[in-house]
Amino acid sequence: MSALRWIYLGLSIIGSLLPMRYFWAWFSANGFDLGLMFAAWRVNDATSGLFWNVVIAAIALCVWILSETYVRKNWIALWAIPATFFIGVSSGLPLFLFLRSRPIT
């Protein structure tokens, strides 16, 4: 495996663990209430801007994943979509790049 693939894999792992650390801390303090968490993400203009920035980036990433998967028939790359929406772009994008850069037989 190339050094670049190791970097993508490492970034995907870090991009999964670091946000989840904060999500679990928030859930521990506030209970598992997704509605409350979404409301917290839009508590002021700064967080609302960041929220929509990430949502639009996630949608664009998913469009790219779907179009690339259709062309390359690299079906395993579709795993990056749930990673994007259940964890975040910080997990989904490097995971997609890792899966996309593997040799296709």
N, C-alpha and C. Protein backbone atom coordinates (compact mmCIF):
# COMPACT_ATOMS: atom_id res chain seq x y z
N MET A 1 0.85 -1.17 0.00
CA MET A 1 0.00 0.00 0.00
C MET A 1 0.90 1.24 0.00
N SER A 2 0.52 2.23 -0.79
CA SER A 2 1.35 3.42 -0.94
C SER A 2 1.25 4.32 0.30
N ALA A 3 2.22 5.21 0.42
CA ALA A 3 2.24 6.15 1.54
C ALA A 3 1.01 7.06 1.51
N LEU A 4 0.58 7.43 0.32
CA LEU A 4 -0.59 8.30 0.18
C LEU A 4 -1.84 7.60 0.71
N ARG A 5 -1.99 6.33 0.43
CA ARG A 5 -3.15 5.58 0.93
C ARG A 5 -3.10 5.48 2.45
N TRP A 6 -1.91 5.30 3.03
CA TRP A 6 -1.78 5.28 4.49
C TRP A 6 -2.19 6.63 5.09
N ILE A 7 -1.82 7.71 4.43
CA ILE A 7 -2.20 9.05 4.91
C ILE A 7 -3.73 9.19 4.87
N TYR A 8 -4.36 8.79 3.75
CA TYR A 8 -5.82 8.86 3.66
C TYR A 8 -6.48 8.02 4.77
N LEU A 9 -5.97 6.83 4.99
CA LEU A 9 -6.53 5.95 6.02
C LEU A 9 -6.36 6.57 7.41
N GLY A 10 -5.19 7.12 7.69
CA GLY A 10 -4.95 7.76 8.97
C GLY A 10 -5.86 8.96 9.18
N LEU A 11 -6.03 9.78 8.15
CA LEU A 11 -6.92 10.93 8.25
C LEU A 11 -8.36 10.51 8.45
N SER A 12 -8.77 9.42 7.82
CA SER A 12 -10.13 8.92 8.01
C SER A 12 -10.35 8.45 9.45
N ILE A 13 -9.37 7.77 10.00
CA ILE A 13 -9.48 7.30 11.38
C ILE A 13 -9.52 8.48 12.34
N ILE A 14 -8.61 9.42 12.17
CA ILE A 14 -8.60 10.62 13.02
C ILE A 14 -9.88 11.42 12.82
N GLY A 15 -10.32 11.53 11.56
CA GLY A 15 -11.55 12.26 11.25
C GLY A 15 -12.80 11.57 11.76
N SER A 16 -12.69 10.30 12.13
CA SER A 16 -13.81 9.59 12.76
C SER A 16 -13.75 9.72 14.27
N LEU A 17 -12.58 9.48 14.84
CA LEU A 17 -12.45 9.44 16.29
C LEU A 17 -12.57 10.81 16.95
N LEU A 18 -11.96 11.82 16.36
CA LEU A 18 -11.97 13.14 16.99
C LEU A 18 -13.38 13.73 17.08
N PRO A 19 -14.16 13.77 15.98
CA PRO A 19 -15.53 14.29 16.13
C PRO A 19 -16.39 13.43 17.06
N MET A 20 -16.22 12.09 16.99
CA MET A 20 -17.04 11.22 17.84
C MET A 20 -16.75 11.45 19.32
N ARG A 21 -15.53 11.82 19.63
CA ARG A 21 -15.18 12.14 21.03
C ARG A 21 -16.07 13.27 21.54
N TYR A 22 -16.26 14.30 20.72
CA TYR A 22 -17.09 15.43 21.12
C TYR A 22 -18.57 15.09 21.08
N PHE A 23 -18.98 14.29 20.09
CA PHE A 23 -20.39 13.88 20.03
C PHE A 23 -20.77 13.06 21.26
N TRP A 24 -19.92 12.10 21.63
CA TRP A 24 -20.24 11.27 22.80
C TRP A 24 -20.23 12.08 24.08
N ALA A 25 -19.34 13.05 24.20
CA ALA A 25 -19.34 13.92 25.38
C ALA A 25 -20.63 14.72 25.43
N TRP A 26 -21.08 15.20 24.29
CA TRP A 26 -22.32 15.97 24.24
C TRP A 26 -23.51 15.08 24.59
N PHE A 27 -23.54 13.86 24.02
CA PHE A 27 -24.63 12.92 24.33
C PHE A 27 -24.62 12.53 25.81
N SER A 28 -23.46 12.39 26.39
CA SER A 28 -23.37 12.06 27.82
C SER A 28 -23.97 13.17 28.67
N ALA A 29 -23.74 14.40 28.27
CA ALA A 29 -24.23 15.53 29.04
C ALA A 29 -25.70 15.84 28.78
N ASN A 30 -26.18 15.59 27.55
CA ASN A 30 -27.52 16.02 27.15
C ASN A 30 -28.48 14.90 26.80
N GLY A 31 -28.02 13.67 26.84
CA GLY A 31 -28.86 12.56 26.41
C GLY A 31 -28.83 12.41 24.90
N PHE A 32 -29.34 11.29 24.43
CA PHE A 32 -29.30 11.01 22.98
C PHE A 32 -30.51 11.65 22.32
N ASP A 33 -30.42 12.96 22.15
CA ASP A 33 -31.50 13.74 21.54
C ASP A 33 -30.95 14.44 20.31
N LEU A 34 -31.19 13.83 19.14
CA LEU A 34 -30.65 14.39 17.89
C LEU A 34 -31.25 15.75 17.57
N GLY A 35 -32.53 15.95 17.89
CA GLY A 35 -33.17 17.24 17.65
C GLY A 35 -32.49 18.35 18.43
N LEU A 36 -32.16 18.07 19.67
CA LEU A 36 -31.46 19.05 20.50
C LEU A 36 -30.05 19.32 19.96
N MET A 37 -29.41 18.27 19.46
CA MET A 37 -28.07 18.46 18.90
C MET A 37 -28.13 19.32 17.64
N PHE A 38 -29.11 19.07 16.76
CA PHE A 38 -29.25 19.89 15.56
C PHE A 38 -29.57 21.34 15.93
N ALA A 39 -30.38 21.53 16.95
CA ALA A 39 -30.69 22.89 17.42
C ALA A 39 -29.43 23.58 17.94
N ALA A 40 -28.57 22.83 18.63
CA ALA A 40 -27.32 23.40 19.15
C ALA A 40 -26.40 23.82 18.01
N TRP A 41 -26.45 23.10 16.91
CA TRP A 41 -25.60 23.46 15.77
C TRP A 41 -26.05 24.76 15.11
N ARG A 42 -27.28 25.19 15.38
CA ARG A 42 -27.80 26.40 14.76
C ARG A 42 -28.18 27.44 15.81
N VAL A 43 -27.42 27.48 16.90
CA VAL A 43 -27.75 28.36 18.02
C VAL A 43 -27.48 29.84 17.71
N ASN A 44 -26.54 30.13 16.81
CA ASN A 44 -26.28 31.52 16.43
C ASN A 44 -25.82 31.55 14.97
N ASP A 45 -25.57 32.74 14.46
CA ASP A 45 -25.21 32.87 13.05
C ASP A 45 -23.90 32.16 12.71
N ALA A 46 -22.94 32.18 13.61
CA ALA A 46 -21.65 31.54 13.34
C ALA A 46 -21.81 30.03 13.22
N THR A 47 -22.52 29.42 14.16
CA THR A 47 -22.69 27.96 14.09
C THR A 47 -23.62 27.58 12.94
N SER A 48 -24.61 28.42 12.64
CA SER A 48 -25.48 28.14 11.49
C SER A 48 -24.69 28.16 10.18
N GLY A 49 -23.79 29.14 10.05
CA GLY A 49 -22.94 29.20 8.85
C GLY A 49 -22.06 27.98 8.73
N LEU A 50 -21.47 27.56 9.84
CA LEU A 50 -20.63 26.37 9.83
C LEU A 50 -21.45 25.12 9.52
N PHE A 51 -22.65 25.03 10.11
CA PHE A 51 -23.54 23.90 9.86
C PHE A 51 -23.84 23.77 8.36
N TRP A 52 -24.28 24.87 7.74
CA TRP A 52 -24.63 24.80 6.31
C TRP A 52 -23.40 24.59 5.44
N ASN A 53 -22.26 25.10 5.84
CA ASN A 53 -21.01 24.86 5.13
C ASN A 53 -20.73 23.36 5.06
N VAL A 54 -20.85 22.69 6.20
CA VAL A 54 -20.57 21.26 6.27
C VAL A 54 -21.64 20.45 5.53
N VAL A 55 -22.91 20.84 5.66
CA VAL A 55 -23.98 20.13 4.96
C VAL A 55 -23.79 20.19 3.45
N ILE A 56 -23.49 21.36 2.93
CA ILE A 56 -23.28 21.51 1.49
C ILE A 56 -22.06 20.73 1.03
N ALA A 57 -20.99 20.76 1.82
CA ALA A 57 -19.80 19.97 1.48
C ALA A 57 -20.12 18.47 1.48
N ALA A 58 -20.93 18.01 2.44
CA ALA A 58 -21.31 16.59 2.50
C ALA A 58 -22.14 16.19 1.29
N ILE A 59 -23.06 17.05 0.88
CA ILE A 59 -23.87 16.75 -0.30
C ILE A 59 -23.01 16.70 -1.55
N ALA A 60 -22.10 17.67 -1.69
CA ALA A 60 -21.20 17.67 -2.85
C ALA A 60 -20.32 16.43 -2.87
N LEU A 61 -19.82 16.03 -1.71
CA LEU A 61 -19.01 14.82 -1.62
C LEU A 61 -19.81 13.60 -2.03
N CYS A 62 -21.05 13.51 -1.60
CA CYS A 62 -21.88 12.35 -1.95
C CYS A 62 -22.19 12.31 -3.44
N VAL A 63 -22.41 13.46 -4.05
CA VAL A 63 -22.61 13.50 -5.51
C VAL A 63 -21.36 13.00 -6.21
N TRP A 64 -20.20 13.44 -5.74
CA TRP A 64 -18.93 12.98 -6.33
C TRP A 64 -18.77 11.47 -6.14
N ILE A 65 -19.04 10.98 -4.94
CA ILE A 65 -18.90 9.55 -4.67
C ILE A 65 -19.80 8.75 -5.60
N LEU A 66 -21.05 9.17 -5.73
CA LEU A 66 -21.99 8.44 -6.58
C LEU A 66 -21.58 8.47 -8.05
N SER A 67 -21.13 9.64 -8.52
CA SER A 67 -20.74 9.73 -9.93
C SER A 67 -19.46 8.92 -10.20
N GLU A 68 -18.50 8.98 -9.30
CA GLU A 68 -17.27 8.20 -9.47
C GLU A 68 -17.54 6.71 -9.38
N THR A 69 -18.40 6.31 -8.47
CA THR A 69 -18.72 4.89 -8.31
C THR A 69 -19.41 4.37 -9.56
N TYR A 70 -20.30 5.15 -10.12
CA TYR A 70 -20.99 4.74 -11.34
C TYR A 70 -20.02 4.53 -12.49
N VAL A 71 -19.06 5.44 -12.62
CA VAL A 71 -18.10 5.36 -13.73
C VAL A 71 -17.08 4.26 -13.50
N ARG A 72 -16.52 4.19 -12.30
CA ARG A 72 -15.42 3.26 -12.03
C ARG A 72 -15.87 1.89 -11.55
N LYS A 73 -17.15 1.77 -11.18
CA LYS A 73 -17.70 0.50 -10.67
C LYS A 73 -16.95 0.03 -9.42
N ASN A 74 -16.48 0.98 -8.63
CA ASN A 74 -15.77 0.71 -7.39
C ASN A 74 -16.80 0.79 -6.25
N TRP A 75 -17.63 -0.26 -6.14
CA TRP A 75 -18.79 -0.23 -5.26
C TRP A 75 -18.42 -0.09 -3.79
N ILE A 76 -17.26 -0.53 -3.40
CA ILE A 76 -16.87 -0.42 -1.99
C ILE A 76 -16.72 1.05 -1.56
N ALA A 77 -16.49 1.93 -2.51
CA ALA A 77 -16.35 3.36 -2.19
C ALA A 77 -17.65 3.95 -1.66
N LEU A 78 -18.77 3.27 -1.87
CA LEU A 78 -20.05 3.76 -1.35
C LEU A 78 -20.09 3.78 0.18
N TRP A 79 -19.19 3.07 0.84
CA TRP A 79 -19.12 3.10 2.30
C TRP A 79 -18.80 4.50 2.82
N ALA A 80 -18.26 5.35 1.97
CA ALA A 80 -17.93 6.71 2.40
C ALA A 80 -19.19 7.56 2.61
N ILE A 81 -20.31 7.17 2.00
CA ILE A 81 -21.54 7.96 2.17
C ILE A 81 -22.08 7.84 3.60
N PRO A 82 -22.26 6.63 4.15
CA PRO A 82 -22.70 6.59 5.55
C PRO A 82 -21.67 7.20 6.51
N ALA A 83 -20.39 7.05 6.19
CA ALA A 83 -19.37 7.67 7.05
C ALA A 83 -19.53 9.19 7.05
N THR A 84 -19.87 9.75 5.89
CA THR A 84 -20.05 11.19 5.78
C THR A 84 -21.24 11.67 6.59
N PHE A 85 -22.37 10.96 6.50
CA PHE A 85 -23.57 11.45 7.17
C PHE A 85 -23.70 11.01 8.62
N PHE A 86 -23.06 9.92 9.02
CA PHE A 86 -23.15 9.49 10.42
C PHE A 86 -22.00 10.03 11.27
N ILE A 87 -20.88 10.35 10.64
CA ILE A 87 -19.74 10.90 11.40
C ILE A 87 -19.44 12.30 10.91
N GLY A 88 -19.13 12.46 9.63
CA GLY A 88 -18.87 13.79 9.10
C GLY A 88 -17.98 13.73 7.87
N VAL A 89 -17.84 14.88 7.25
CA VAL A 89 -16.98 15.01 6.07
C VAL A 89 -15.53 14.67 6.42
N SER A 90 -15.15 14.94 7.66
CA SER A 90 -13.77 14.65 8.08
C SER A 90 -13.48 13.16 8.08
N SER A 91 -14.49 12.35 8.11
CA SER A 91 -14.34 10.90 8.00
C SER A 91 -14.60 10.41 6.58
N GLY A 92 -15.68 10.90 5.98
CA GLY A 92 -16.10 10.42 4.67
C GLY A 92 -15.16 10.75 3.53
N LEU A 93 -14.65 11.98 3.51
CA LEU A 93 -13.75 12.37 2.41
C LEU A 93 -12.45 11.57 2.40
N PRO A 94 -11.71 11.50 3.50
CA PRO A 94 -10.48 10.69 3.43
C PRO A 94 -10.77 9.21 3.22
N LEU A 95 -11.90 8.71 3.74
CA LEU A 95 -12.25 7.30 3.49
C LEU A 95 -12.50 7.08 2.01
N PHE A 96 -13.23 7.99 1.38
CA PHE A 96 -13.47 7.87 -0.07
C PHE A 96 -12.16 7.93 -0.84
N LEU A 97 -11.27 8.84 -0.49
CA LEU A 97 -9.99 8.93 -1.20
C LEU A 97 -9.17 7.67 -1.00
N PHE A 98 -9.22 7.10 0.21
CA PHE A 98 -8.54 5.84 0.47
C PHE A 98 -9.11 4.73 -0.41
N LEU A 99 -10.42 4.60 -0.43
CA LEU A 99 -11.05 3.54 -1.21
C LEU A 99 -10.91 3.77 -2.71
N ARG A 100 -10.93 5.03 -3.12
CA ARG A 100 -10.81 5.38 -4.53
C ARG A 100 -9.41 5.10 -5.07
N SER A 101 -8.42 5.21 -4.21
CA SER A 101 -7.04 5.07 -4.67
C SER A 101 -6.54 3.62 -4.68
N ARG A 102 -7.40 2.70 -4.31
CA ARG A 102 -6.97 1.30 -4.34
C ARG A 102 -6.96 0.78 -5.78
N PRO A 103 -6.09 -0.15 -6.07
CA PRO A 103 -6.08 -0.72 -7.42
C PRO A 103 -7.38 -1.49 -7.68
N ILE A 104 -8.00 -1.24 -8.81
CA ILE A 104 -9.23 -1.92 -9.19
C ILE A 104 -8.88 -3.04 -10.16
N THR A 105 -9.35 -4.23 -9.83
CA THR A 105 -9.04 -5.39 -10.69
C THR A 105 -10.19 -5.71 -11.60
